[in-house]
Amino acid sequence: MIDAPRRLIVGISGASGIALGVRALELLRAAGVETHLVMSKSAELTLREELELTTKEVQALADVCYPVKHVGAAIASGSFLTAGMLVAPCSIRTMSEIASGVTSTLLTRAADVVLKERRRLVLMVRETPLHLGHLQTMTRLAEMGAVLAPPVPAFYTRPASVDEIVTQSAGRALDLFGLHSDEVRRWTGD
């Protein structure tokens, strides 16, 4: 058996919380993990509202970037080996497209491929409150093999800033791929 490659797809959708995807890219770069980025059009709009970064600056954090409409890209094929995909943040629309299997963009197609290949798909769903339809969609995704990891603050770390909360949340999501960062504060039980 060949080990999974140190290559991860990162999707950034238009939900609030763009900093989660950006921080994940920064942590992955520091860990020497090859990253393949796809951002939705809504993500580019949200980026302008939430961070003082341009789309090009976010794309520069990844090894390879793909236009969201390029459904023929490498990450749209199961033969392109990856350790999986992180969608951070994940909008309800993106989550719902992935759950239905009816994908309209490279972001949701890549996630669908990750699921069909039985690779790890982690969705940092950013929405609250949730209605029954959202919860049923989440259940369906969990049954399909996805990991739903909403970015819930770890208050036991006593974060002093939003940046610390973002780092902890992004780092814990990367833990789910076996990619560990020294920037994540671990519970010791002391």
N, C-alpha and C. Protein backbone atom coordinates (compact mmCIF):
# COMPACT_ATOMS: atom_id res chain seq x y z
N MET A 1 0.84 -1.18 0.00
CA MET A 1 0.00 0.00 0.00
C MET A 1 0.89 1.24 0.00
N ILE A 2 0.58 2.16 -0.87
CA ILE A 2 1.32 3.42 -0.97
C ILE A 2 0.66 4.44 -0.05
N ASP A 3 1.48 5.20 0.68
CA ASP A 3 0.94 6.24 1.55
C ASP A 3 0.23 7.31 0.73
N ALA A 4 -0.76 7.95 1.35
CA ALA A 4 -1.45 9.07 0.71
C ALA A 4 -0.47 10.21 0.48
N PRO A 5 -0.61 10.90 -0.63
CA PRO A 5 0.31 12.01 -0.91
C PRO A 5 0.10 13.16 0.07
N ARG A 6 1.15 13.94 0.27
CA ARG A 6 1.04 15.15 1.09
C ARG A 6 0.55 16.27 0.17
N ARG A 7 -0.68 16.07 -0.30
CA ARG A 7 -1.32 17.00 -1.22
C ARG A 7 -2.77 17.12 -0.80
N LEU A 8 -3.23 18.35 -0.62
CA LEU A 8 -4.59 18.57 -0.15
C LEU A 8 -5.28 19.62 -1.01
N ILE A 9 -6.54 19.36 -1.32
CA ILE A 9 -7.38 20.35 -2.01
C ILE A 9 -8.00 21.23 -0.93
N VAL A 10 -7.97 22.51 -1.15
CA VAL A 10 -8.63 23.46 -0.26
C VAL A 10 -9.67 24.22 -1.07
N GLY A 11 -10.92 24.13 -0.63
CA GLY A 11 -12.00 24.89 -1.23
C GLY A 11 -12.40 26.00 -0.28
N ILE A 12 -12.62 27.17 -0.82
CA ILE A 12 -13.11 28.29 -0.02
C ILE A 12 -14.41 28.75 -0.66
N SER A 13 -15.51 28.61 0.07
CA SER A 13 -16.81 29.03 -0.46
C SER A 13 -17.17 30.40 0.11
N GLY A 14 -18.36 30.89 -0.21
CA GLY A 14 -18.73 32.26 0.12
C GLY A 14 -19.30 32.49 1.50
N ALA A 15 -19.28 31.50 2.36
CA ALA A 15 -19.77 31.71 3.73
C ALA A 15 -18.83 32.65 4.47
N SER A 16 -19.35 33.28 5.50
CA SER A 16 -18.50 34.11 6.35
C SER A 16 -17.47 33.21 7.02
N GLY A 17 -16.26 33.74 7.18
CA GLY A 17 -15.19 32.96 7.80
C GLY A 17 -14.06 32.64 6.84
N ILE A 18 -13.85 33.50 5.86
CA ILE A 18 -12.79 33.30 4.87
C ILE A 18 -11.43 33.11 5.55
N ALA A 19 -11.25 33.72 6.70
CA ALA A 19 -9.98 33.60 7.42
C ALA A 19 -9.64 32.15 7.73
N LEU A 20 -10.64 31.29 7.87
CA LEU A 20 -10.40 29.87 8.14
C LEU A 20 -9.65 29.21 6.99
N GLY A 21 -10.08 29.46 5.77
CA GLY A 21 -9.41 28.89 4.60
C GLY A 21 -8.03 29.47 4.41
N VAL A 22 -7.90 30.77 4.64
CA VAL A 22 -6.59 31.43 4.51
C VAL A 22 -5.61 30.86 5.53
N ARG A 23 -6.05 30.73 6.77
CA ARG A 23 -5.16 30.20 7.81
C ARG A 23 -4.80 28.75 7.52
N ALA A 24 -5.75 27.96 7.03
CA ALA A 24 -5.45 26.57 6.67
C ALA A 24 -4.35 26.54 5.60
N LEU A 25 -4.45 27.40 4.61
CA LEU A 25 -3.40 27.45 3.57
C LEU A 25 -2.05 27.82 4.18
N GLU A 26 -2.03 28.76 5.10
CA GLU A 26 -0.78 29.16 5.75
C GLU A 26 -0.18 28.01 6.56
N LEU A 27 -1.03 27.30 7.31
CA LEU A 27 -0.56 26.17 8.11
C LEU A 27 -0.06 25.04 7.22
N LEU A 28 -0.75 24.79 6.13
CA LEU A 28 -0.33 23.73 5.19
C LEU A 28 0.99 24.08 4.53
N ARG A 29 1.18 25.33 4.17
CA ARG A 29 2.45 25.75 3.57
C ARG A 29 3.58 25.54 4.58
N ALA A 30 3.36 25.93 5.83
CA ALA A 30 4.39 25.75 6.87
C ALA A 30 4.72 24.28 7.08
N ALA A 31 3.74 23.40 6.85
CA ALA A 31 3.95 21.96 7.04
C ALA A 31 4.51 21.28 5.79
N GLY A 32 4.70 22.03 4.71
CA GLY A 32 5.24 21.45 3.49
C GLY A 32 4.24 20.61 2.71
N VAL A 33 2.95 20.89 2.88
CA VAL A 33 1.91 20.14 2.18
C VAL A 33 1.55 20.89 0.90
N GLU A 34 1.53 20.17 -0.22
CA GLU A 34 1.14 20.76 -1.50
C GLU A 34 -0.35 21.06 -1.49
N THR A 35 -0.72 22.30 -1.85
CA THR A 35 -2.11 22.69 -1.81
C THR A 35 -2.64 23.06 -3.19
N HIS A 36 -3.91 22.66 -3.41
CA HIS A 36 -4.62 22.95 -4.66
C HIS A 36 -5.90 23.70 -4.27
N LEU A 37 -5.96 24.97 -4.65
CA LEU A 37 -7.01 25.87 -4.20
C LEU A 37 -8.05 26.13 -5.27
N VAL A 38 -9.32 26.12 -4.85
CA VAL A 38 -10.42 26.58 -5.69
C VAL A 38 -11.34 27.42 -4.81
N MET A 39 -11.63 28.63 -5.28
CA MET A 39 -12.49 29.56 -4.56
C MET A 39 -13.75 29.82 -5.37
N SER A 40 -14.88 29.86 -4.69
CA SER A 40 -16.12 30.21 -5.39
C SER A 40 -16.14 31.71 -5.66
N LYS A 41 -17.00 32.12 -6.58
CA LYS A 41 -17.17 33.56 -6.86
C LYS A 41 -17.66 34.28 -5.61
N SER A 42 -18.55 33.65 -4.85
CA SER A 42 -19.04 34.26 -3.61
C SER A 42 -17.91 34.42 -2.60
N ALA A 43 -16.96 33.50 -2.60
CA ALA A 43 -15.81 33.61 -1.69
C ALA A 43 -15.01 34.86 -2.00
N GLU A 44 -14.85 35.15 -3.29
CA GLU A 44 -14.10 36.34 -3.68
C GLU A 44 -14.81 37.61 -3.20
N LEU A 45 -16.13 37.61 -3.24
CA LEU A 45 -16.90 38.75 -2.74
C LEU A 45 -16.79 38.86 -1.22
N THR A 46 -16.91 37.74 -0.53
CA THR A 46 -16.82 37.75 0.93
C THR A 46 -15.43 38.15 1.38
N LEU A 47 -14.42 37.74 0.66
CA LEU A 47 -13.03 38.10 0.98
C LEU A 47 -12.88 39.61 1.09
N ARG A 48 -13.46 40.33 0.15
CA ARG A 48 -13.36 41.80 0.16
C ARG A 48 -14.00 42.42 1.40
N GLU A 49 -15.02 41.76 1.93
CA GLU A 49 -15.71 42.28 3.11
C GLU A 49 -14.99 41.94 4.42
N GLU A 50 -14.32 40.78 4.45
CA GLU A 50 -13.81 40.27 5.73
C GLU A 50 -12.31 40.45 5.96
N LEU A 51 -11.52 40.47 4.91
CA LEU A 51 -10.07 40.55 5.09
C LEU A 51 -9.47 41.63 4.21
N GLU A 52 -8.33 42.09 4.60
CA GLU A 52 -7.61 43.08 3.79
C GLU A 52 -6.61 42.37 2.89
N LEU A 53 -7.12 41.39 2.15
CA LEU A 53 -6.33 40.63 1.18
C LEU A 53 -7.05 40.63 -0.15
N THR A 54 -6.29 40.52 -1.21
CA THR A 54 -6.88 40.37 -2.53
C THR A 54 -6.99 38.89 -2.86
N THR A 55 -7.77 38.58 -3.87
CA THR A 55 -7.87 37.19 -4.33
C THR A 55 -6.50 36.68 -4.73
N LYS A 56 -5.73 37.50 -5.41
CA LYS A 56 -4.37 37.08 -5.84
C LYS A 56 -3.48 36.77 -4.63
N GLU A 57 -3.60 37.53 -3.56
CA GLU A 57 -2.79 37.27 -2.36
C GLU A 57 -3.18 35.94 -1.71
N VAL A 58 -4.46 35.63 -1.69
CA VAL A 58 -4.90 34.34 -1.16
C VAL A 58 -4.42 33.22 -2.07
N GLN A 59 -4.56 33.39 -3.36
CA GLN A 59 -4.11 32.38 -4.31
C GLN A 59 -2.61 32.13 -4.21
N ALA A 60 -1.86 33.15 -3.87
CA ALA A 60 -0.40 33.01 -3.74
C ALA A 60 -0.02 32.09 -2.58
N LEU A 61 -0.94 31.84 -1.67
CA LEU A 61 -0.67 30.93 -0.54
C LEU A 61 -0.72 29.46 -0.96
N ALA A 62 -1.32 29.19 -2.13
CA ALA A 62 -1.48 27.81 -2.62
C ALA A 62 -0.41 27.50 -3.66
N ASP A 63 -0.14 26.22 -3.81
CA ASP A 63 0.80 25.78 -4.85
C ASP A 63 0.17 25.85 -6.24
N VAL A 64 -1.12 25.48 -6.33
CA VAL A 64 -1.83 25.50 -7.60
C VAL A 64 -3.22 26.07 -7.33
N CYS A 65 -3.70 26.94 -8.24
CA CYS A 65 -5.04 27.52 -8.14
C CYS A 65 -5.82 27.21 -9.41
N TYR A 66 -7.11 27.03 -9.24
CA TYR A 66 -7.98 26.70 -10.36
C TYR A 66 -9.17 27.67 -10.41
N PRO A 67 -9.57 28.08 -11.61
CA PRO A 67 -10.81 28.84 -11.73
C PRO A 67 -11.99 27.94 -11.36
N VAL A 68 -12.97 28.49 -10.70
CA VAL A 68 -14.10 27.70 -10.19
C VAL A 68 -14.91 27.06 -11.31
N LYS A 69 -14.85 27.60 -12.51
CA LYS A 69 -15.62 27.04 -13.64
C LYS A 69 -14.82 25.99 -14.44
N HIS A 70 -13.57 25.76 -14.09
CA HIS A 70 -12.71 24.84 -14.84
C HIS A 70 -12.95 23.40 -14.38
N VAL A 71 -14.09 22.84 -14.80
CA VAL A 71 -14.48 21.51 -14.33
C VAL A 71 -13.63 20.39 -14.92
N GLY A 72 -12.73 20.71 -15.83
CA GLY A 72 -11.82 19.72 -16.39
C GLY A 72 -10.45 19.73 -15.71
N ALA A 73 -10.32 20.44 -14.62
CA ALA A 73 -9.04 20.55 -13.90
C ALA A 73 -8.64 19.20 -13.28
N ALA A 74 -7.39 19.09 -12.93
CA ALA A 74 -6.86 17.85 -12.33
C ALA A 74 -7.67 17.40 -11.12
N ILE A 75 -8.08 18.34 -10.27
CA ILE A 75 -8.78 17.97 -9.03
C ILE A 75 -10.20 17.46 -9.28
N ALA A 76 -10.65 17.51 -10.53
CA ALA A 76 -11.97 16.98 -10.89
C ALA A 76 -11.91 15.49 -11.23
N SER A 77 -10.72 14.88 -11.12
CA SER A 77 -10.56 13.47 -11.47
C SER A 77 -10.10 12.66 -10.27
N GLY A 78 -10.67 11.50 -10.12
CA GLY A 78 -10.27 10.59 -9.06
C GLY A 78 -8.87 10.04 -9.24
N SER A 79 -8.34 10.10 -10.46
CA SER A 79 -6.98 9.61 -10.69
C SER A 79 -5.92 10.58 -10.17
N PHE A 80 -6.34 11.82 -9.83
CA PHE A 80 -5.42 12.80 -9.25
C PHE A 80 -5.38 12.52 -7.75
N LEU A 81 -4.27 11.97 -7.28
CA LEU A 81 -4.18 11.52 -5.90
C LEU A 81 -4.00 12.67 -4.91
N THR A 82 -4.84 12.66 -3.90
CA THR A 82 -4.76 13.64 -2.82
C THR A 82 -5.06 12.94 -1.50
N ALA A 83 -4.75 13.64 -0.41
CA ALA A 83 -5.14 13.15 0.91
C ALA A 83 -6.59 13.50 1.20
N GLY A 84 -7.21 14.31 0.34
CA GLY A 84 -8.60 14.69 0.52
C GLY A 84 -8.81 16.16 0.25
N MET A 85 -9.88 16.68 0.86
CA MET A 85 -10.25 18.07 0.62
C MET A 85 -10.84 18.69 1.86
N LEU A 86 -10.44 19.93 2.10
CA LEU A 86 -11.00 20.76 3.17
C LEU A 86 -11.77 21.89 2.51
N VAL A 87 -13.02 22.10 2.93
CA VAL A 87 -13.78 23.26 2.48
C VAL A 87 -13.96 24.17 3.69
N ALA A 88 -13.28 25.32 3.65
CA ALA A 88 -13.23 26.22 4.80
C ALA A 88 -13.27 27.67 4.34
N PRO A 89 -14.33 28.37 4.61
CA PRO A 89 -15.59 27.90 5.18
C PRO A 89 -16.44 27.21 4.11
N CYS A 90 -17.46 26.51 4.59
CA CYS A 90 -18.37 25.81 3.68
C CYS A 90 -19.76 26.42 3.84
N SER A 91 -20.26 26.99 2.77
CA SER A 91 -21.61 27.56 2.79
C SER A 91 -22.66 26.44 2.74
N ILE A 92 -23.87 26.77 3.12
CA ILE A 92 -24.97 25.82 3.04
C ILE A 92 -25.22 25.42 1.58
N ARG A 93 -25.09 26.37 0.67
CA ARG A 93 -25.28 26.04 -0.75
C ARG A 93 -24.25 25.01 -1.20
N THR A 94 -22.98 25.25 -0.86
CA THR A 94 -21.92 24.31 -1.25
C THR A 94 -22.17 22.95 -0.62
N MET A 95 -22.50 22.93 0.66
CA MET A 95 -22.79 21.68 1.35
C MET A 95 -23.92 20.94 0.67
N SER A 96 -24.96 21.66 0.30
CA SER A 96 -26.14 21.03 -0.32
C SER A 96 -25.82 20.47 -1.70
N GLU A 97 -25.03 21.19 -2.48
CA GLU A 97 -24.63 20.68 -3.81
C GLU A 97 -23.83 19.39 -3.66
N ILE A 98 -22.90 19.38 -2.72
CA ILE A 98 -22.07 18.18 -2.51
C ILE A 98 -22.97 17.01 -2.11
N ALA A 99 -23.91 17.26 -1.21
CA ALA A 99 -24.79 16.18 -0.73
C ALA A 99 -25.65 15.62 -1.84
N SER A 100 -26.07 16.47 -2.78
CA SER A 100 -26.95 16.00 -3.85
C SER A 100 -26.20 15.25 -4.94
N GLY A 101 -24.89 15.53 -5.07
CA GLY A 101 -24.13 14.92 -6.15
C GLY A 101 -24.33 15.63 -7.48
N VAL A 102 -25.14 16.67 -7.49
CA VAL A 102 -25.38 17.47 -8.69
C VAL A 102 -24.53 18.73 -8.54
N THR A 103 -23.34 18.69 -9.12
CA THR A 103 -22.36 19.74 -8.90
C THR A 103 -22.28 20.68 -10.09
N SER A 104 -22.15 21.98 -9.80
CA SER A 104 -22.15 22.97 -10.88
C SER A 104 -20.82 23.71 -11.01
N THR A 105 -19.89 23.48 -10.08
CA THR A 105 -18.61 24.17 -10.12
C THR A 105 -17.48 23.18 -9.83
N LEU A 106 -16.26 23.63 -10.06
CA LEU A 106 -15.11 22.79 -9.75
C LEU A 106 -15.02 22.52 -8.26
N LEU A 107 -15.39 23.49 -7.43
CA LEU A 107 -15.32 23.28 -5.98
C LEU A 107 -16.18 22.10 -5.55
N THR A 108 -17.43 22.09 -5.99
CA THR A 108 -18.31 20.99 -5.58
C THR A 108 -18.01 19.70 -6.32
N ARG A 109 -17.53 19.79 -7.56
CA ARG A 109 -17.12 18.58 -8.29
C ARG A 109 -15.94 17.92 -7.60
N ALA A 110 -14.95 18.71 -7.19
CA ALA A 110 -13.77 18.16 -6.51
C ALA A 110 -14.19 17.47 -5.22
N ALA A 111 -15.11 18.06 -4.48
CA ALA A 111 -15.59 17.45 -3.24
C ALA A 111 -16.31 16.14 -3.53
N ASP A 112 -17.11 16.12 -4.58
CA ASP A 112 -17.83 14.91 -4.99
C ASP A 112 -16.84 13.80 -5.35
N VAL A 113 -15.78 14.16 -6.04
CA VAL A 113 -14.74 13.18 -6.42
C VAL A 113 -14.07 12.63 -5.17
N VAL A 114 -13.76 13.49 -4.22
CA VAL A 114 -13.14 13.05 -2.97
C VAL A 114 -14.03 12.01 -2.28
N LEU A 115 -15.32 12.27 -2.24
CA LEU A 115 -16.25 11.31 -1.62
C LEU A 115 -16.30 10.00 -2.39
N LYS A 116 -16.40 10.07 -3.72
CA LYS A 116 -16.51 8.82 -4.49
C LYS A 116 -15.25 7.98 -4.41
N GLU A 117 -14.11 8.63 -4.22
CA GLU A 117 -12.83 7.92 -4.08
C GLU A 117 -12.57 7.48 -2.65
N ARG A 118 -13.50 7.76 -1.75
CA ARG A 118 -13.41 7.39 -0.33
C ARG A 118 -12.22 8.05 0.36
N ARG A 119 -11.96 9.30 -0.05
CA ARG A 119 -10.93 10.09 0.61
C ARG A 119 -11.60 11.00 1.64
N ARG A 120 -10.81 11.64 2.46
CA ARG A 120 -11.34 12.47 3.54
C ARG A 120 -11.85 13.80 3.00
N LEU A 121 -13.11 14.12 3.30
CA LEU A 121 -13.71 15.41 2.98
C LEU A 121 -14.14 16.05 4.28
N VAL A 122 -13.58 17.21 4.59
CA VAL A 122 -13.91 17.93 5.82
C VAL A 122 -14.58 19.24 5.42
N LEU A 123 -15.78 19.43 5.95
CA LEU A 123 -16.57 20.63 5.64
C LEU A 123 -16.71 21.48 6.90
N MET A 124 -16.13 22.66 6.88
CA MET A 124 -16.27 23.60 8.00
C MET A 124 -17.50 24.48 7.73
N VAL A 125 -18.66 23.89 7.99
CA VAL A 125 -19.95 24.53 7.70
C VAL A 125 -20.13 25.75 8.60
N ARG A 126 -20.46 26.87 7.96
CA ARG A 126 -20.61 28.15 8.66
C ARG A 126 -22.04 28.65 8.51
N GLU A 127 -22.90 28.22 9.37
CA GLU A 127 -24.29 28.70 9.38
C GLU A 127 -24.89 28.42 10.73
N THR A 128 -25.73 29.30 11.19
CA THR A 128 -26.49 29.09 12.42
C THR A 128 -27.60 30.13 12.48
N PRO A 129 -28.75 29.80 13.00
CA PRO A 129 -29.16 28.47 13.43
C PRO A 129 -29.43 27.56 12.23
N LEU A 130 -29.55 26.29 12.50
CA LEU A 130 -29.77 25.29 11.46
C LEU A 130 -31.22 24.82 11.51
N HIS A 131 -31.87 24.72 10.35
CA HIS A 131 -33.21 24.14 10.32
C HIS A 131 -33.11 22.65 9.98
N LEU A 132 -34.22 21.97 10.02
CA LEU A 132 -34.25 20.53 9.83
C LEU A 132 -33.64 20.12 8.49
N GLY A 133 -33.87 20.87 7.44
CA GLY A 133 -33.29 20.55 6.13
C GLY A 133 -31.77 20.57 6.16
N HIS A 134 -31.19 21.56 6.84
CA HIS A 134 -29.73 21.62 6.98
C HIS A 134 -29.23 20.38 7.71
N LEU A 135 -29.90 20.05 8.81
CA LEU A 135 -29.47 18.90 9.63
C LEU A 135 -29.60 17.59 8.85
N GLN A 136 -30.67 17.45 8.05
CA GLN A 136 -30.82 16.24 7.24
C GLN A 136 -29.73 16.16 6.17
N THR A 137 -29.37 17.30 5.60
CA THR A 137 -28.30 17.32 4.61
C THR A 137 -26.98 16.93 5.26
N MET A 138 -26.74 17.43 6.46
CA MET A 138 -25.51 17.07 7.20
C MET A 138 -25.49 15.58 7.50
N THR A 139 -26.61 15.04 7.89
CA THR A 139 -26.70 13.60 8.16
C THR A 139 -26.38 12.81 6.91
N ARG A 140 -26.95 13.24 5.80
CA ARG A 140 -26.69 12.55 4.53
C ARG A 140 -25.20 12.57 4.19
N LEU A 141 -24.56 13.73 4.37
CA LEU A 141 -23.13 13.83 4.09
C LEU A 141 -22.31 12.95 5.03
N ALA A 142 -22.67 12.91 6.30
CA ALA A 142 -21.96 12.05 7.24
C ALA A 142 -22.10 10.59 6.84
N GLU A 143 -23.29 10.21 6.39
CA GLU A 143 -23.50 8.84 5.93
C GLU A 143 -22.69 8.53 4.67
N MET A 144 -22.41 9.57 3.87
CA MET A 144 -21.62 9.41 2.65
C MET A 144 -20.11 9.39 2.95
N GLY A 145 -19.74 9.73 4.17
CA GLY A 145 -18.33 9.69 4.55
C GLY A 145 -17.68 11.03 4.82
N ALA A 146 -18.41 12.12 4.64
CA ALA A 146 -17.85 13.44 4.92
C ALA A 146 -17.75 13.67 6.43
N VAL A 147 -16.83 14.53 6.81
CA VAL A 147 -16.70 14.96 8.20
C VAL A 147 -17.18 16.40 8.28
N LEU A 148 -18.18 16.63 9.11
CA LEU A 148 -18.70 17.98 9.30
C LEU A 148 -18.03 18.57 10.54
N ALA A 149 -17.28 19.64 10.34
CA ALA A 149 -16.48 20.22 11.42
C ALA A 149 -16.71 21.72 11.49
N PRO A 150 -17.89 22.13 11.98
CA PRO A 150 -18.13 23.57 12.12
C PRO A 150 -17.04 24.20 12.99
N PRO A 151 -16.63 25.40 12.67
CA PRO A 151 -15.57 26.05 13.44
C PRO A 151 -16.09 26.59 14.77
N VAL A 152 -16.13 25.72 15.74
CA VAL A 152 -16.62 26.07 17.07
C VAL A 152 -15.42 26.44 17.93
N PRO A 153 -15.43 27.64 18.54
CA PRO A 153 -14.27 28.07 19.33
C PRO A 153 -13.98 27.11 20.49
N ALA A 154 -12.70 26.88 20.71
CA ALA A 154 -12.25 26.07 21.85
C ALA A 154 -11.89 27.04 22.98
N PHE A 155 -12.85 27.33 23.83
CA PHE A 155 -12.62 28.34 24.86
C PHE A 155 -11.67 27.88 25.95
N TYR A 156 -11.44 26.56 26.07
CA TYR A 156 -10.48 26.09 27.07
C TYR A 156 -9.06 26.57 26.78
N THR A 157 -8.82 27.00 25.55
CA THR A 157 -7.50 27.54 25.20
C THR A 157 -7.34 28.99 25.65
N ARG A 158 -8.43 29.58 26.12
CA ARG A 158 -8.46 30.98 26.55
C ARG A 158 -7.90 31.91 25.47
N PRO A 159 -8.52 31.91 24.31
CA PRO A 159 -8.02 32.73 23.21
C PRO A 159 -8.06 34.21 23.56
N ALA A 160 -7.01 34.91 23.17
CA ALA A 160 -6.90 36.34 23.43
C ALA A 160 -7.32 37.16 22.22
N SER A 161 -7.57 36.48 21.08
CA SER A 161 -7.93 37.21 19.87
C SER A 161 -8.72 36.32 18.92
N VAL A 162 -9.36 36.96 17.97
CA VAL A 162 -10.06 36.21 16.92
C VAL A 162 -9.04 35.39 16.14
N ASP A 163 -7.86 35.94 15.92
CA ASP A 163 -6.80 35.23 15.20
C ASP A 163 -6.47 33.89 15.86
N GLU A 164 -6.41 33.88 17.18
CA GLU A 164 -6.12 32.62 17.90
C GLU A 164 -7.26 31.62 17.72
N ILE A 165 -8.49 32.09 17.70
CA ILE A 165 -9.64 31.20 17.48
C ILE A 165 -9.58 30.62 16.07
N VAL A 166 -9.26 31.45 15.08
CA VAL A 166 -9.16 31.00 13.70
C VAL A 166 -8.06 29.96 13.55
N THR A 167 -6.90 30.23 14.14
CA THR A 167 -5.78 29.29 14.06
C THR A 167 -6.14 27.95 14.69
N GLN A 168 -6.75 27.99 15.86
CA GLN A 168 -7.14 26.76 16.55
C GLN A 168 -8.15 25.96 15.71
N SER A 169 -9.16 26.64 15.17
CA SER A 169 -10.19 25.97 14.37
C SER A 169 -9.61 25.37 13.09
N ALA A 170 -8.80 26.15 12.38
CA ALA A 170 -8.20 25.64 11.14
C ALA A 170 -7.25 24.49 11.44
N GLY A 171 -6.46 24.63 12.48
CA GLY A 171 -5.52 23.57 12.86
C GLY A 171 -6.21 22.28 13.25
N ARG A 172 -7.32 22.40 13.97
CA ARG A 172 -8.08 21.20 14.37
C ARG A 172 -8.69 20.52 13.14
N ALA A 173 -9.11 21.31 12.15
CA ALA A 173 -9.62 20.72 10.91
C ALA A 173 -8.52 19.95 10.20
N LEU A 174 -7.31 20.49 10.19
CA LEU A 174 -6.19 19.80 9.54
C LEU A 174 -5.78 18.54 10.30
N ASP A 175 -6.01 18.55 11.62
CA ASP A 175 -5.77 17.32 12.41
C ASP A 175 -6.53 16.14 11.81
N LEU A 176 -7.70 16.40 11.25
CA LEU A 176 -8.54 15.33 10.70
C LEU A 176 -7.92 14.65 9.49
N PHE A 177 -6.88 15.27 8.92
CA PHE A 177 -6.13 14.67 7.81
C PHE A 177 -4.80 14.09 8.31
N GLY A 178 -4.58 14.10 9.63
CA GLY A 178 -3.31 13.65 10.17
C GLY A 178 -2.20 14.67 9.98
N LEU A 179 -2.58 15.91 9.75
CA LEU A 179 -1.62 17.00 9.55
C LEU A 179 -1.67 17.89 10.79
N HIS A 180 -0.66 17.82 11.61
CA HIS A 180 -0.67 18.48 12.90
C HIS A 180 0.24 19.70 12.92
N SER A 181 -0.25 20.76 13.54
CA SER A 181 0.49 22.01 13.64
C SER A 181 0.85 22.30 15.09
N ASP A 182 2.04 22.81 15.30
CA ASP A 182 2.46 23.21 16.64
C ASP A 182 1.67 24.43 17.13
N GLU A 183 0.96 25.10 16.23
CA GLU A 183 0.19 26.28 16.61
C GLU A 183 -1.13 25.92 17.28
N VAL A 184 -1.52 24.65 17.21
CA VAL A 184 -2.76 24.20 17.85
C VAL A 184 -2.46 23.93 19.31
N ARG A 185 -3.30 24.52 20.18
CA ARG A 185 -3.14 24.27 21.62
C ARG A 185 -3.93 23.01 21.98
N ARG A 186 -3.24 22.05 22.57
CA ARG A 186 -3.83 20.74 22.87
C ARG A 186 -4.29 20.67 24.33
N TRP A 187 -5.39 20.00 24.53
CA TRP A 187 -5.89 19.75 25.88
C TRP A 187 -4.98 18.73 26.54
N THR A 188 -4.53 19.01 27.74
CA THR A 188 -3.63 18.09 28.44
C THR A 188 -4.29 17.47 29.66
N GLY A 189 -5.43 18.00 30.07
CA GLY A 189 -6.11 17.46 31.23
C GLY A 189 -5.55 17.98 32.55
N ASP A 190 -4.57 18.87 32.48
CA ASP A 190 -3.98 19.43 33.70
C ASP A 190 -4.75 20.65 34.17
